[in-house]
Amino acid sequence: MASAYESIAQGLQEAIELNQGHKVAAKTYRPEPVNVAEIRHKLGLTQMEFASKFCISVSTLRHWERGDRTPHGPALALLHVVSKEPQAVLRALS
């Protein structure tokens, strides 16, 4: 039981240090930010079309494009795939 606690405690400490901008021993991956408006324009879609095709709310899309918010987590991963392979995503979602 002690080793499980120590492992959890170490993981929490690493998460705190990473969040504070410190280097940690754990392997991490942070995808590059994306320009959502640029992706949408490259596809020739309106905000409504883009949001509908990729299952994103229009208001969220507008916030991303204005810069009020930034996509993160699964949304950021989806947008990276859409920017590289939009047709594959569309096939998968249909």
C-alpha atoms as a PDB file:
ATOM      1  CA  MET A   1       0.000   0.000   0.000  1.00  0.00           C
ATOM      2  CA  ALA A   2       2.856   2.377   0.772  1.00  0.00           C
ATOM      3  CA  SER A   3       4.288   2.065  -2.743  1.00  0.00           C
ATOM      4  CA  ALA A   4       0.926   2.938  -4.306  1.00  0.00           C
ATOM      5  CA  TYR A   5       0.708   6.012  -2.083  1.00  0.00           C
ATOM      6  CA  GLU A   6       4.285   7.019  -2.961  1.00  0.00           C
ATOM      7  CA  SER A   7       3.570   6.604  -6.664  1.00  0.00           C
ATOM      8  CA  ILE A   8       0.435   8.736  -6.465  1.00  0.00           C
ATOM      9  CA  ALA A   9       2.228  11.365  -4.377  1.00  0.00           C
ATOM     10  CA  GLN A  10       5.097  11.493  -6.882  1.00  0.00           C
ATOM     11  CA  GLY A  11       2.657  11.859  -9.777  1.00  0.00           C
ATOM     12  CA  LEU A  12       0.840  14.693  -8.046  1.00  0.00           C
ATOM     13  CA  GLN A  13       4.104  16.470  -7.280  1.00  0.00           C
ATOM     14  CA  GLU A  14       5.209  16.123 -10.916  1.00  0.00           C
ATOM     15  CA  ALA A  15       1.843  17.471 -12.101  1.00  0.00           C
ATOM     16  CA  ILE A  16       2.192  20.496  -9.824  1.00  0.00           C
ATOM     17  CA  GLU A  17       5.754  21.160 -10.989  1.00  0.00           C
ATOM     18  CA  LEU A  18       4.786  20.759 -14.648  1.00  0.00           C
ATOM     19  CA  ASN A  19       1.876  23.154 -14.209  1.00  0.00           C
ATOM     20  CA  GLN A  20       4.259  25.690 -12.677  1.00  0.00           C
ATOM     21  CA  GLY A  21       6.487  25.458 -15.760  1.00  0.00           C
ATOM     22  CA  HIS A  22       9.255  23.341 -14.232  1.00  0.00           C
ATOM     23  CA  LYS A  23      10.865  20.426 -16.032  1.00  0.00           C
ATOM     24  CA  VAL A  24       9.834  17.014 -14.766  1.00  0.00           C
ATOM     25  CA  ALA A  25      11.191  13.535 -15.313  1.00  0.00           C
ATOM     26  CA  ALA A  26       7.853  12.261 -16.618  1.00  0.00           C
ATOM     27  CA  LYS A  27       7.327  12.227 -20.372  1.00  0.00           C
ATOM     28  CA  THR A  28       4.773  14.782 -21.442  1.00  0.00           C
ATOM     29  CA  TYR A  29       3.298  15.879 -24.737  1.00  0.00           C
ATOM     30  CA  ARG A  30       1.758  19.261 -25.327  1.00  0.00           C
ATOM     31  CA  PRO A  31       0.369  19.748 -28.826  1.00  0.00           C
ATOM     32  CA  GLU A  32       1.099  23.027 -30.548  1.00  0.00           C
ATOM     33  CA  PRO A  33      -1.727  25.569 -30.593  1.00  0.00           C
ATOM     34  CA  VAL A  34      -3.795  25.701 -33.777  1.00  0.00           C
ATOM     35  CA  ASN A  35      -5.332  28.556 -35.738  1.00  0.00           C
ATOM     36  CA  VAL A  36      -8.926  27.371 -35.940  1.00  0.00           C
ATOM     37  CA  ALA A  37     -10.031  30.099 -38.367  1.00  0.00           C
ATOM     38  CA  GLU A  38      -7.169  29.202 -40.706  1.00  0.00           C
ATOM     39  CA  ILE A  39      -8.145  25.523 -40.675  1.00  0.00           C
ATOM     40  CA  ARG A  40     -11.769  26.421 -41.390  1.00  0.00           C
ATOM     41  CA  HIS A  41     -10.829  28.816 -44.209  1.00  0.00           C
ATOM     42  CA  LYS A  42      -8.540  26.208 -45.806  1.00  0.00           C
ATOM     43  CA  LEU A  43     -11.539  23.881 -45.941  1.00  0.00           C
ATOM     44  CA  GLY A  44     -13.751  26.609 -47.383  1.00  0.00           C
ATOM     45  CA  LEU A  45     -16.411  26.212 -44.714  1.00  0.00           C
ATOM     46  CA  THR A  46     -18.572  28.704 -42.882  1.00  0.00           C
ATOM     47  CA  GLN A  47     -18.565  28.651 -39.095  1.00  0.00           C
ATOM     48  CA  MET A  48     -21.917  26.843 -39.114  1.00  0.00           C
ATOM     49  CA  GLU A  49     -20.694  24.221 -41.604  1.00  0.00           C
ATOM     50  CA  PHE A  50     -17.406  23.622 -39.784  1.00  0.00           C
ATOM     51  CA  ALA A  51     -19.099  23.344 -36.405  1.00  0.00           C
ATOM     52  CA  SER A  52     -21.723  20.980 -37.752  1.00  0.00           C
ATOM     53  CA  LYS A  53     -19.298  18.727 -39.640  1.00  0.00           C
ATOM     54  CA  PHE A  54     -16.866  18.362 -36.744  1.00  0.00           C
ATOM     55  CA  CYS A  55     -19.363  18.242 -33.847  1.00  0.00           C
ATOM     56  CA  ILE A  56     -18.293  21.531 -32.272  1.00  0.00           C
ATOM     57  CA  SER A  57     -20.740  24.076 -30.933  1.00  0.00           C
ATOM     58  CA  VAL A  58     -20.837  27.276 -32.993  1.00  0.00           C
ATOM     59  CA  SER A  59     -20.359  29.435 -29.906  1.00  0.00           C
ATOM     60  CA  THR A  60     -17.250  27.460 -28.915  1.00  0.00           C
ATOM     61  CA  LEU A  61     -15.892  27.817 -32.445  1.00  0.00           C
ATOM     62  CA  ARG A  62     -16.495  31.569 -32.349  1.00  0.00           C
ATOM     63  CA  HIS A  63     -14.700  31.879 -29.015  1.00  0.00           C
ATOM     64  CA  TRP A  64     -11.724  29.973 -30.424  1.00  0.00           C
ATOM     65  CA  GLU A  65     -11.588  32.118 -33.532  1.00  0.00           C
ATOM     66  CA  ARG A  66     -11.827  35.376 -31.536  1.00  0.00           C
ATOM     67  CA  GLY A  67      -9.137  34.173 -29.161  1.00  0.00           C
ATOM     68  CA  ASP A  68     -11.366  34.357 -26.060  1.00  0.00           C
ATOM     69  CA  ARG A  69     -10.633  30.686 -25.478  1.00  0.00           C
ATOM     70  CA  THR A  70      -8.238  28.123 -26.849  1.00  0.00           C
ATOM     71  CA  PRO A  71      -8.981  24.504 -27.664  1.00  0.00           C
ATOM     72  CA  HIS A  72      -7.314  21.975 -25.400  1.00  0.00           C
ATOM     73  CA  GLY A  73      -7.392  18.265 -24.694  1.00  0.00           C
ATOM     74  CA  PRO A  74      -9.433  16.136 -27.119  1.00  0.00           C
ATOM     75  CA  ALA A  75     -10.673  19.195 -29.037  1.00  0.00           C
ATOM     76  CA  LEU A  76      -7.103  20.265 -29.749  1.00  0.00           C
ATOM     77  CA  ALA A  77      -6.217  16.747 -30.868  1.00  0.00           C
ATOM     78  CA  LEU A  78      -9.268  16.663 -33.158  1.00  0.00           C
ATOM     79  CA  LEU A  79      -8.329  20.002 -34.704  1.00  0.00           C
ATOM     80  CA  HIS A  80      -4.787  18.796 -35.401  1.00  0.00           C
ATOM     81  CA  VAL A  81      -6.181  15.768 -37.228  1.00  0.00           C
ATOM     82  CA  VAL A  82      -8.723  17.917 -39.095  1.00  0.00           C
ATOM     83  CA  SER A  83      -5.918  20.234 -40.226  1.00  0.00           C
ATOM     84  CA  LYS A  84      -3.924  17.292 -41.627  1.00  0.00           C
ATOM     85  CA  GLU A  85      -6.604  14.789 -42.710  1.00  0.00           C
ATOM     86  CA  PRO A  86     -10.035  16.452 -42.861  1.00  0.00           C
ATOM     87  CA  GLN A  87     -11.532  13.845 -45.168  1.00  0.00           C
ATOM     88  CA  ALA A  88     -10.509  11.004 -42.844  1.00  0.00           C
ATOM     89  CA  VAL A  89     -12.247  12.760 -39.943  1.00  0.00           C
ATOM     90  CA  LEU A  90     -15.349  13.382 -42.026  1.00  0.00           C
ATOM     91  CA  ARG A  91     -15.452   9.710 -43.065  1.00  0.00           C
ATOM     92  CA  ALA A  92     -15.049   8.613 -39.455  1.00  0.00           C
ATOM     93  CA  LEU A  93     -17.832  10.912 -38.265  1.00  0.00           C
ATOM     94  CA  SER A  94     -20.340   9.961 -40.963  1.00  0.00           C
END
